[in-house]
Amino acid sequence: MVHRQVASTVNEPSRTPTSKINQPMTRLLQQSLLVASLLVGSTVLLAGCSRSPDRIYPPAYGLGAGAAAITAYDEDGDGAIAGDEIDRVPGIRAGLGQVDADNDGRVTAEEIDTRIQSWIDSKVGAMTVGCQVKLDGKPLADAQVEFAPEPFLGPSVHPATATTGPDGEASVSMAAEHLSDPRYAGVACGWYKIRVNSASQAIPSKYNSDTTLGCEVAMKAHWLYEDKVVIEMTSK
């Protein structure tokens, strides 16, 4: 709108006939008015941009996160998270294609650290994350959803929560005190275990205390193609 307003202040050159003597003065006056209008427009544009939102910074991920992940989940001591071990890290399992750079089905400390660096390089402080919870194929209302970050990411990556509406959908966010700008809700980039509880429905432990649910929050995460994290559960 600023640009349209500026354009409207620049009048078309006068069509009124003028003498040859007055034509140079007329052109000079028109050019002066044009420059003045553009300067006014520039002032308006700068003023409009002066109230840009504060930057939301990425969290300080733990040093040696890759090594910490291997220590926590590498049960056979082969230096990687692989096979059934990956099932214990459902966030990595959900985004395996993004972290397993050589596609060998094994996730090393180096690959984990490289993926974390890509989050940092993206300069994304928090992402808007929507979710939909379904139980036996039907939307589950009033479900409490928690995105619990993997501990190896460090204490600066905080949990995010939400309560679903009648359509089973919700917007997940960290608590206000963990947002660098509370006006902008969201979830930090990271790997998360997802836990779902409900006061009205019995939810199997595989979806909460012993959860097998997880996701990666990051640019180009697989769930972004559906515009939300869809959580499918069964009562048995």
Protein backbone atom coordinates (compact mmCIF):
# COMPACT_ATOMS: atom_id res chain seq x y z
CA MET A 1 0.00 0.00 0.00
CA VAL A 2 2.89 2.33 0.62
CA HIS A 3 4.07 2.04 -2.95
CA ARG A 4 0.56 2.64 -4.31
CA GLN A 5 0.18 5.75 -2.17
CA VAL A 6 3.51 7.10 -3.37
CA ALA A 7 2.55 6.54 -7.00
CA SER A 8 -0.69 8.44 -6.55
CA THR A 9 1.20 11.55 -5.43
CA VAL A 10 3.21 11.69 -8.69
CA ASN A 11 1.06 13.62 -11.15
CA GLU A 12 1.15 13.19 -14.89
CA PRO A 13 3.06 15.98 -16.68
CA SER A 14 0.83 18.96 -17.52
CA ARG A 15 -0.74 18.90 -20.99
CA THR A 16 -1.27 22.70 -20.97
CA PRO A 17 0.63 24.33 -23.87
CA THR A 18 3.55 26.46 -22.76
CA SER A 19 5.87 28.82 -24.56
CA LYS A 20 9.34 27.64 -25.55
CA ILE A 21 10.82 29.98 -22.96
CA ASN A 22 8.72 28.47 -20.10
CA GLN A 23 9.18 24.78 -21.08
CA PRO A 24 12.60 24.34 -19.33
CA MET A 25 11.24 25.95 -16.14
CA THR A 26 8.16 23.72 -16.31
CA ARG A 27 10.26 20.55 -16.65
CA LEU A 28 12.50 21.67 -13.77
CA LEU A 29 9.48 22.27 -11.53
CA GLN A 30 8.00 18.86 -12.42
CA GLN A 31 11.29 17.08 -11.67
CA SER A 32 11.56 18.87 -8.33
CA LEU A 33 8.03 17.80 -7.39
CA LEU A 34 8.79 14.20 -8.39
CA VAL A 35 11.95 14.07 -6.25
CA ALA A 36 10.09 15.60 -3.30
CA SER A 37 7.29 13.02 -3.64
CA LEU A 38 9.75 10.14 -3.76
CA LEU A 39 11.55 11.43 -0.68
CA VAL A 40 8.25 11.62 1.19
CA GLY A 41 7.45 8.08 0.03
CA SER A 42 10.80 6.82 1.26
CA THR A 43 10.17 8.35 4.67
CA VAL A 44 6.80 6.58 4.91
CA LEU A 45 8.33 3.24 3.86
CA LEU A 46 11.08 3.47 6.43
CA ALA A 47 8.63 4.42 9.12
CA GLY A 48 6.43 1.46 8.21
CA CYS A 49 9.38 -0.91 8.55
CA SER A 50 10.63 0.47 11.82
CA ARG A 51 8.29 -1.69 13.90
CA SER A 52 9.51 -5.05 12.62
CA PRO A 53 9.01 -7.99 15.06
CA ASP A 54 11.84 -8.89 17.40
CA ARG A 55 13.97 -11.76 16.19
CA ILE A 56 13.29 -15.15 17.75
CA TYR A 57 16.64 -16.85 18.28
CA PRO A 58 17.32 -20.61 18.03
CA PRO A 59 18.08 -22.36 21.32
CA ALA A 60 21.63 -23.12 22.43
CA TYR A 61 21.87 -26.81 21.57
CA GLY A 62 24.02 -28.91 23.88
CA LEU A 63 27.67 -29.31 23.00
CA GLY A 64 28.45 -32.87 22.00
CA ALA A 65 24.78 -33.69 21.37
CA GLY A 66 25.70 -36.39 18.87
CA ALA A 67 27.99 -38.17 21.31
CA ALA A 68 25.37 -37.86 24.05
CA ALA A 69 22.77 -39.45 21.75
CA ILE A 70 25.05 -42.39 21.03
CA THR A 71 25.73 -42.86 24.74
CA ALA A 72 21.99 -42.88 25.46
CA TYR A 73 20.76 -45.14 22.66
CA ASP A 74 23.63 -47.22 21.21
CA GLU A 75 22.99 -50.46 23.09
CA ASP A 76 25.31 -52.74 21.10
CA GLY A 77 28.27 -50.37 21.20
CA ASP A 78 28.83 -50.19 17.44
CA GLY A 79 29.02 -46.39 17.47
CA ALA A 80 25.67 -45.74 15.83
CA ILE A 81 21.92 -45.82 16.46
CA ALA A 82 20.47 -48.50 14.21
CA GLY A 83 17.82 -51.20 13.96
CA ASP A 84 15.60 -51.48 17.03
CA GLU A 85 17.63 -48.73 18.70
CA ILE A 86 16.09 -46.18 16.35
CA ASP A 87 12.62 -47.11 17.62
CA ARG A 88 13.64 -45.70 21.01
CA VAL A 89 14.23 -42.32 19.36
CA PRO A 90 10.95 -41.83 17.45
CA GLY A 91 11.80 -38.26 16.51
CA ILE A 92 14.90 -39.42 14.63
CA ARG A 93 12.99 -42.36 13.18
CA ALA A 94 10.31 -40.01 11.82
CA GLY A 95 12.95 -37.80 10.15
CA LEU A 96 15.45 -40.53 9.30
CA GLY A 97 15.79 -39.40 5.70
CA GLN A 98 16.97 -35.99 6.86
CA VAL A 99 19.63 -37.12 9.33
CA ASP A 100 20.94 -40.38 7.79
CA ALA A 101 23.09 -38.68 5.17
CA ASP A 102 24.50 -41.87 3.60
CA ASN A 103 21.20 -43.78 3.78
CA ASP A 104 22.77 -46.80 5.44
CA GLY A 105 20.11 -47.07 8.18
CA ARG A 106 22.63 -46.14 10.86
CA VAL A 107 22.74 -42.73 12.56
CA THR A 108 26.15 -41.63 13.82
CA ALA A 109 27.15 -38.85 16.20
CA GLU A 110 28.57 -36.90 13.27
CA GLU A 111 25.30 -37.13 11.34
CA ILE A 112 23.35 -35.94 14.38
CA ASP A 113 25.67 -32.97 14.90
CA THR A 114 25.50 -32.13 11.19
CA ARG A 115 21.70 -32.11 11.27
CA ILE A 116 21.65 -29.91 14.37
CA GLN A 117 24.02 -27.49 12.62
CA SER A 118 21.56 -27.29 9.73
CA TRP A 119 18.87 -26.14 12.18
CA ILE A 120 21.22 -23.47 13.48
CA ASP A 121 22.15 -22.37 9.95
CA SER A 122 18.46 -22.03 9.04
CA LYS A 123 18.21 -19.29 11.72
CA VAL A 124 14.73 -20.53 12.62
CA GLY A 125 14.05 -19.75 16.27
CA ALA A 126 10.65 -21.44 16.44
CA MET A 127 8.19 -22.96 14.00
CA THR A 128 4.43 -22.94 13.96
CA VAL A 129 3.38 -26.55 14.49
CA GLY A 130 -0.18 -27.76 14.08
CA CYS A 131 -1.30 -31.25 15.01
CA GLN A 132 -4.37 -33.44 14.68
CA VAL A 133 -5.04 -36.33 17.05
CA LYS A 134 -7.16 -39.28 15.96
CA LEU A 135 -8.25 -42.28 18.00
CA ASP A 136 -9.55 -45.25 15.99
CA GLY A 137 -9.80 -43.00 12.96
CA LYS A 138 -11.89 -40.30 14.67
CA PRO A 139 -10.75 -36.84 15.86
CA LEU A 140 -10.05 -36.81 19.59
CA ALA A 141 -11.15 -33.65 21.41
CA ASP A 142 -9.63 -32.39 24.67
CA ALA A 143 -6.50 -34.49 24.26
CA GLN A 144 -3.38 -33.20 26.02
CA VAL A 145 -0.46 -33.30 23.61
CA GLU A 146 3.16 -32.90 24.65
CA PHE A 147 6.21 -32.60 22.42
CA ALA A 148 9.09 -33.66 24.69
CA PRO A 149 12.55 -32.85 23.28
CA GLU A 150 15.28 -35.46 23.34
CA PRO A 151 17.44 -34.79 26.45
CA PHE A 152 20.67 -34.96 24.44
CA LEU A 153 19.66 -31.69 22.73
CA GLY A 154 20.35 -29.84 25.97
CA PRO A 155 18.30 -27.92 28.54
CA SER A 156 17.64 -24.94 26.26
CA VAL A 157 15.23 -26.96 24.09
CA HIS A 158 11.92 -26.87 25.94
CA PRO A 159 8.76 -28.99 25.75
CA ALA A 160 5.74 -27.76 23.84
CA THR A 161 2.11 -28.55 24.62
CA ALA A 162 -1.43 -28.17 23.33
CA THR A 163 -5.01 -29.25 23.98
CA THR A 164 -7.05 -30.34 20.98
CA GLY A 165 -10.37 -28.82 19.97
CA PRO A 166 -13.54 -30.60 18.77
CA ASP A 167 -11.88 -31.42 15.44
CA GLY A 168 -8.90 -33.01 17.19
CA GLU A 169 -6.63 -30.20 16.05
CA ALA A 170 -4.39 -27.85 18.01
CA SER A 171 -1.45 -25.48 17.67
CA VAL A 172 1.53 -26.71 19.68
CA SER A 173 3.80 -24.21 21.44
CA MET A 174 6.38 -23.77 24.13
CA ALA A 175 5.25 -21.95 27.26
CA ALA A 176 5.41 -18.15 27.04
CA GLU A 177 8.38 -17.91 29.42
CA HIS A 178 10.45 -20.01 27.02
CA LEU A 179 9.73 -17.84 23.98
CA SER A 180 12.14 -15.01 23.23
CA ASP A 181 9.07 -13.04 22.11
CA PRO A 182 5.82 -14.27 23.74
CA ARG A 183 3.78 -12.73 20.91
CA TYR A 184 4.93 -15.46 18.58
CA ALA A 185 4.08 -19.02 19.64
CA GLY A 186 5.97 -22.00 18.28
CA VAL A 187 8.27 -24.97 18.75
CA ALA A 188 12.07 -24.94 18.49
CA CYS A 189 13.74 -27.09 15.86
CA GLY A 190 14.58 -30.49 17.30
CA TRP A 191 13.67 -34.14 17.73
CA TYR A 192 10.67 -34.77 19.96
CA LYS A 193 8.83 -37.66 21.56
CA ILE A 194 5.08 -37.08 21.37
CA ARG A 195 2.88 -38.04 24.31
CA VAL A 196 -0.92 -37.96 24.28
CA ASN A 197 -3.25 -38.19 27.27
CA SER A 198 -6.98 -37.79 27.68
CA ALA A 199 -9.29 -37.44 30.67
CA SER A 200 -12.22 -38.94 28.76
CA GLN A 201 -10.57 -41.75 26.78
CA ALA A 202 -8.23 -44.57 27.74
CA ILE A 203 -5.00 -44.05 25.82
CA PRO A 204 -2.55 -46.99 25.59
CA SER A 205 0.88 -46.41 27.15
CA LYS A 206 2.57 -46.72 23.76
CA TYR A 207 1.25 -43.22 23.09
CA ASN A 208 2.34 -41.61 26.37
CA SER A 209 4.55 -43.14 29.10
CA ASP A 210 6.11 -45.67 26.66
CA THR A 211 5.49 -43.60 23.55
CA THR A 212 6.44 -44.71 20.08
CA LEU A 213 5.32 -41.38 18.60
CA GLY A 214 7.76 -38.72 17.51
CA CYS A 215 8.65 -36.08 14.98
CA GLU A 216 11.38 -33.74 13.87
CA VAL A 217 10.52 -30.05 13.91
CA ALA A 218 12.58 -28.40 11.19
CA MET A 219 12.41 -26.81 7.79
CA LYS A 220 11.57 -29.45 5.15
CA ALA A 221 10.37 -31.93 7.81
CA HIS A 222 8.18 -34.61 6.24
CA TRP A 223 4.98 -33.54 8.04
CA LEU A 224 5.10 -30.06 6.51
CA TYR A 225 3.66 -31.51 3.30
CA GLU A 226 0.44 -32.18 5.24
CA ASP A 227 0.73 -28.82 7.05
CA LYS A 228 0.41 -30.54 10.43
CA VAL A 229 1.57 -33.51 12.48
CA VAL A 230 -1.12 -36.17 12.21
CA ILE A 231 -1.16 -38.46 15.27
CA GLU A 232 -2.98 -41.70 14.54
CA MET A 233 -3.76 -43.91 17.55
CA THR A 234 -5.77 -47.05 18.20
CA SER A 235 -7.50 -47.93 21.49
CA LYS A 236 -6.09 -51.47 21.42
